[in-house]
Amino acid sequence: MALILIADDEARIRRLVADFLRRDGHTILEAGDGAEALDIVTERRNELSLVILDVMMPKMDGFAVLSAIRAGDHGKPLPVMMLTARAEDTDELHGLESGADDYVAKPFSPLVLAARVKTLLKRSGAPADEAESFGDLTVDERSRAVSVAGNPVELTPKEYELLVYFKNNRRVALSRETILNAVWGYDYFGDLRTVDTHIKKLRAKLGTCGTLIGTVRGYGYRFDAD
């Protein structure tokens, strides 16, 4: 199964999450502070399938670790789930805008957390058979590579999943709620602003091809490609 890093300064939280994830067959690594977490990511990035990252940790907080992880993303980005007692909307938006793929507030249900991990891991895989091109935009699910006019585009895991969801539903008007449920999962507790924030960043990274993601006024978005 997957190799998952749990980074939290509370040992009981690490044990609780680890116990439930091991029941699903996953192998667990643990870190008690941000610096230790980043060291593990640096050493074992190619092996890791997911990082569960607390925000409030000594030495380096979770946002700093997340920023370092995203700065080191080359090729396939490493999925990150933020786990924190800070449940304010501004903190959640900050985490998501910084490249987090999911955001879980304490206290949480271990069963729900394990289900969300399963969903996130599933979304990170399942490649298509071949690359597809839409004008200058090319998406290759086999290698999770995206390029515009032959130039590689570095996307966060969530931005990549959004793009794949759009291309697989091209010419279909998709509401914000539909997009949120499909890409973040039905048990995601965020709001619809999350969709707008990620799409804005995705469009910017795609440059001239960002216009392929059209706005359906008062409803949502549509991928306007043949």
Protein backbone atom coordinates (compact mmCIF):
# COMPACT_ATOMS: atom_id res chain seq x y z
CA MET A 1 0.00 0.00 0.00
CA ALA A 2 1.12 3.60 0.62
CA LEU A 3 4.01 5.03 2.63
CA ILE A 4 2.57 7.90 4.70
CA LEU A 5 4.34 10.42 6.91
CA ILE A 6 2.43 11.72 9.96
CA ALA A 7 3.96 14.91 11.39
CA ASP A 8 2.45 16.11 14.68
CA ASP A 9 4.04 17.18 17.96
CA GLU A 10 1.40 15.25 19.94
CA ALA A 11 2.43 11.58 20.17
CA ARG A 12 -1.11 10.46 20.98
CA ILE A 13 -2.42 12.03 17.78
CA ARG A 14 0.31 10.32 15.75
CA ARG A 15 -0.51 6.96 17.36
CA LEU A 16 -4.25 7.38 16.82
CA VAL A 17 -3.90 8.25 13.12
CA ALA A 18 -1.19 5.65 12.55
CA ASP A 19 -3.27 2.85 14.11
CA PHE A 20 -6.22 3.53 11.80
CA LEU A 21 -4.09 3.88 8.67
CA ARG A 22 -2.15 0.70 9.41
CA ARG A 23 -5.48 -1.15 9.47
CA ASP A 24 -5.80 -0.18 5.81
CA GLY A 25 -2.40 -1.69 5.08
CA HIS A 26 -0.35 1.51 4.94
CA THR A 27 3.21 1.89 6.21
CA ILE A 28 3.64 4.83 8.56
CA LEU A 29 6.55 7.16 9.31
CA GLU A 30 6.32 9.65 12.19
CA ALA A 31 7.83 13.05 12.93
CA GLY A 32 7.43 15.05 16.13
CA ASP A 33 8.35 18.47 14.74
CA GLY A 34 8.52 20.34 11.46
CA ALA A 35 12.27 20.06 10.97
CA GLU A 36 12.18 16.29 11.42
CA ALA A 37 9.26 16.06 8.98
CA LEU A 38 11.13 18.01 6.33
CA ASP A 39 14.23 15.85 6.81
CA ILE A 40 12.16 12.71 6.19
CA VAL A 41 10.52 14.23 3.11
CA THR A 42 13.92 15.24 1.74
CA GLU A 43 15.33 11.75 2.24
CA ARG A 44 12.33 9.71 1.13
CA ARG A 45 10.28 11.96 -1.18
CA ASN A 46 10.30 9.41 -4.02
CA GLU A 47 8.87 6.74 -1.72
CA LEU A 48 6.22 8.79 0.05
CA SER A 49 2.62 8.75 -1.17
CA LEU A 50 1.20 11.29 1.31
CA VAL A 51 2.19 13.65 4.13
CA ILE A 52 -0.24 14.37 6.97
CA LEU A 53 1.05 17.63 8.39
CA ASP A 54 0.07 19.44 11.60
CA VAL A 55 0.21 23.23 11.51
CA MET A 56 1.32 24.04 15.07
CA MET A 57 4.67 22.27 15.52
CA PRO A 58 8.01 23.28 17.09
CA LYS A 59 11.10 24.21 15.05
CA MET A 60 9.08 24.68 11.83
CA ASP A 61 5.32 25.14 11.61
CA GLY A 62 3.26 23.21 9.11
CA PHE A 63 2.93 26.08 6.67
CA ALA A 64 6.72 26.44 6.48
CA VAL A 65 7.13 22.70 5.90
CA LEU A 66 4.42 22.76 3.23
CA SER A 67 6.13 25.65 1.48
CA ALA A 68 9.43 23.75 1.46
CA ILE A 69 7.71 20.62 0.12
CA ARG A 70 6.09 22.54 -2.72
CA ALA A 71 9.37 24.30 -3.53
CA GLY A 72 10.93 20.88 -4.00
CA ASP A 73 8.18 19.46 -6.19
CA HIS A 74 9.63 18.36 -9.50
CA GLY A 75 7.58 16.08 -11.73
CA LYS A 76 4.92 14.41 -9.59
CA PRO A 77 3.91 16.66 -6.64
CA LEU A 78 3.68 15.09 -3.18
CA PRO A 79 0.11 15.17 -1.77
CA VAL A 80 -0.21 16.92 1.61
CA MET A 81 -3.10 16.84 4.09
CA MET A 82 -3.06 19.54 6.79
CA LEU A 83 -4.15 18.37 10.27
CA THR A 84 -4.70 21.15 12.78
CA ALA A 85 -6.64 22.56 15.68
CA ARG A 86 -6.84 25.91 13.88
CA ALA A 87 -10.17 25.78 12.07
CA GLU A 88 -10.59 29.43 11.04
CA ASP A 89 -11.44 30.02 7.38
CA THR A 90 -8.36 32.20 6.91
CA ASP A 91 -6.08 29.38 8.07
CA GLU A 92 -7.80 26.88 5.82
CA LEU A 93 -7.58 29.16 2.80
CA HIS A 94 -3.92 29.89 3.58
CA GLY A 95 -3.17 26.18 3.66
CA LEU A 96 -5.02 25.44 0.44
CA GLU A 97 -3.56 28.44 -1.37
CA SER A 98 -0.12 27.27 -0.28
CA GLY A 99 -0.65 23.94 -2.01
CA ALA A 100 -2.31 21.67 0.58
CA ASP A 101 -4.63 19.04 -0.90
CA ASP A 102 -6.94 18.71 2.09
CA TYR A 103 -7.45 20.38 5.48
CA VAL A 104 -8.78 18.49 8.52
CA ALA A 105 -9.61 20.27 11.79
CA LYS A 106 -9.21 18.72 15.24
CA PRO A 107 -11.08 17.10 16.86
CA PHE A 108 -11.73 14.65 14.05
CA SER A 109 -13.11 11.17 13.53
CA PRO A 110 -10.27 8.71 12.79
CA LEU A 111 -12.64 6.76 10.55
CA VAL A 112 -13.45 9.87 8.53
CA LEU A 113 -9.77 10.81 8.34
CA ALA A 114 -8.88 7.33 7.06
CA ALA A 115 -11.62 7.59 4.43
CA ARG A 116 -10.32 10.98 3.30
CA VAL A 117 -6.81 9.58 3.07
CA LYS A 118 -8.13 6.77 0.89
CA THR A 119 -9.90 9.27 -1.38
CA LEU A 120 -6.82 11.48 -1.65
CA LEU A 121 -4.56 8.54 -2.50
CA LYS A 122 -7.02 7.35 -5.12
CA ARG A 123 -7.17 10.78 -6.75
CA SER A 124 -3.38 10.85 -6.87
CA GLY A 125 -3.25 7.74 -9.06
CA ALA A 126 -5.37 6.08 -11.78
CA PRO A 127 -3.52 7.35 -14.86
CA ALA A 128 -5.12 7.42 -18.29
CA ASP A 129 -3.79 5.42 -21.24
CA GLU A 130 -2.21 8.21 -23.25
CA ALA A 131 -1.45 11.91 -23.33
CA GLU A 132 -4.12 14.31 -24.60
CA SER A 133 -3.59 17.67 -26.25
CA PHE A 134 -5.90 20.68 -26.46
CA GLY A 135 -4.18 23.21 -28.66
CA ASP A 136 -0.91 24.08 -26.91
CA LEU A 137 -1.96 22.30 -23.71
CA THR A 138 -0.86 18.67 -23.20
CA VAL A 139 -1.81 16.49 -20.23
CA ASP A 140 -0.10 13.11 -19.77
CA GLU A 141 -1.69 11.18 -16.90
CA ARG A 142 0.84 8.37 -17.15
CA SER A 143 3.59 10.69 -15.94
CA ARG A 144 1.31 13.34 -14.38
CA ALA A 145 3.03 15.83 -16.69
CA VAL A 146 1.45 19.04 -17.99
CA SER A 147 2.95 21.31 -20.61
CA VAL A 148 1.99 24.43 -22.58
CA ALA A 149 3.58 24.84 -26.01
CA GLY A 150 6.12 22.21 -25.01
CA ASN A 151 7.11 23.94 -21.78
CA PRO A 152 6.53 21.98 -18.53
CA VAL A 153 4.01 23.44 -16.09
CA GLU A 154 4.44 22.71 -12.37
CA LEU A 155 1.06 22.17 -10.69
CA THR A 156 0.16 21.28 -7.12
CA PRO A 157 -1.62 17.92 -6.72
CA LYS A 158 -4.97 19.68 -6.35
CA GLU A 159 -4.44 21.90 -9.39
CA TYR A 160 -3.49 18.81 -11.41
CA GLU A 161 -6.60 16.93 -10.25
CA LEU A 162 -8.76 19.91 -11.19
CA LEU A 163 -7.26 20.02 -14.67
CA VAL A 164 -7.74 16.27 -15.17
CA TYR A 165 -11.34 16.54 -13.95
CA PHE A 166 -12.00 19.39 -16.38
CA LYS A 167 -10.46 17.60 -19.37
CA ASN A 168 -12.43 14.44 -18.60
CA ASN A 169 -15.65 16.50 -18.51
CA ARG A 170 -14.94 18.92 -21.34
CA ARG A 171 -17.77 20.98 -22.80
CA VAL A 172 -19.85 20.23 -19.66
CA ALA A 173 -20.99 23.08 -17.40
CA LEU A 174 -19.87 22.14 -13.88
CA SER A 175 -21.21 23.86 -10.79
CA ARG A 176 -18.82 24.83 -8.00
CA GLU A 177 -20.49 22.31 -5.71
CA THR A 178 -20.06 19.54 -8.30
CA ILE A 179 -16.37 20.38 -8.69
CA LEU A 180 -15.86 20.52 -4.91
CA ASN A 181 -17.51 17.14 -4.40
CA ALA A 182 -15.65 15.50 -7.27
CA VAL A 183 -12.15 16.81 -6.56
CA TRP A 184 -12.15 17.37 -2.78
CA GLY A 185 -14.66 14.64 -1.86
CA TYR A 186 -18.18 14.62 -0.49
CA ASP A 187 -16.94 14.80 3.11
CA TYR A 188 -14.84 17.91 2.55
CA PHE A 189 -15.83 20.66 5.00
CA GLY A 190 -14.54 23.69 3.12
CA ASP A 191 -16.62 26.22 1.18
CA LEU A 192 -17.06 27.03 -2.49
CA ARG A 193 -14.39 29.75 -2.40
CA THR A 194 -11.85 26.94 -2.40
CA VAL A 195 -12.84 26.10 -5.98
CA ASP A 196 -12.49 29.69 -7.18
CA THR A 197 -9.10 30.10 -5.48
CA HIS A 198 -7.63 26.97 -7.05
CA ILE A 199 -9.04 27.68 -10.51
CA LYS A 200 -7.61 31.20 -10.45
CA LYS A 201 -4.15 29.81 -9.68
CA LEU A 202 -4.53 27.03 -12.26
CA ARG A 203 -5.49 29.50 -15.00
CA ALA A 204 -2.47 31.66 -14.16
CA LYS A 205 -0.08 28.72 -14.40
CA LEU A 206 -1.54 27.62 -17.74
CA GLY A 207 -0.89 31.05 -19.23
CA THR A 208 -2.55 31.48 -22.62
CA CYS A 209 -4.24 28.09 -22.19
CA GLY A 210 -5.93 29.27 -18.99
CA THR A 211 -8.78 30.59 -21.14
CA LEU A 212 -9.75 26.98 -21.84
CA ILE A 213 -11.34 27.02 -18.38
CA GLY A 214 -14.34 29.22 -19.00
CA THR A 215 -16.63 30.79 -16.42
CA VAL A 216 -20.33 29.97 -16.55
CA ARG A 217 -21.79 33.09 -15.00
CA GLY A 218 -23.75 32.46 -11.82
CA TYR A 219 -23.08 28.71 -11.97
CA GLY A 220 -19.51 27.48 -12.23
CA TYR A 221 -16.99 26.56 -14.91
CA ARG A 222 -16.61 24.72 -18.22
CA PHE A 223 -13.56 23.33 -20.01
CA ASP A 224 -13.99 24.70 -23.53
CA ALA A 225 -11.89 22.28 -25.56
CA ASP A 226 -12.69 19.77 -28.30
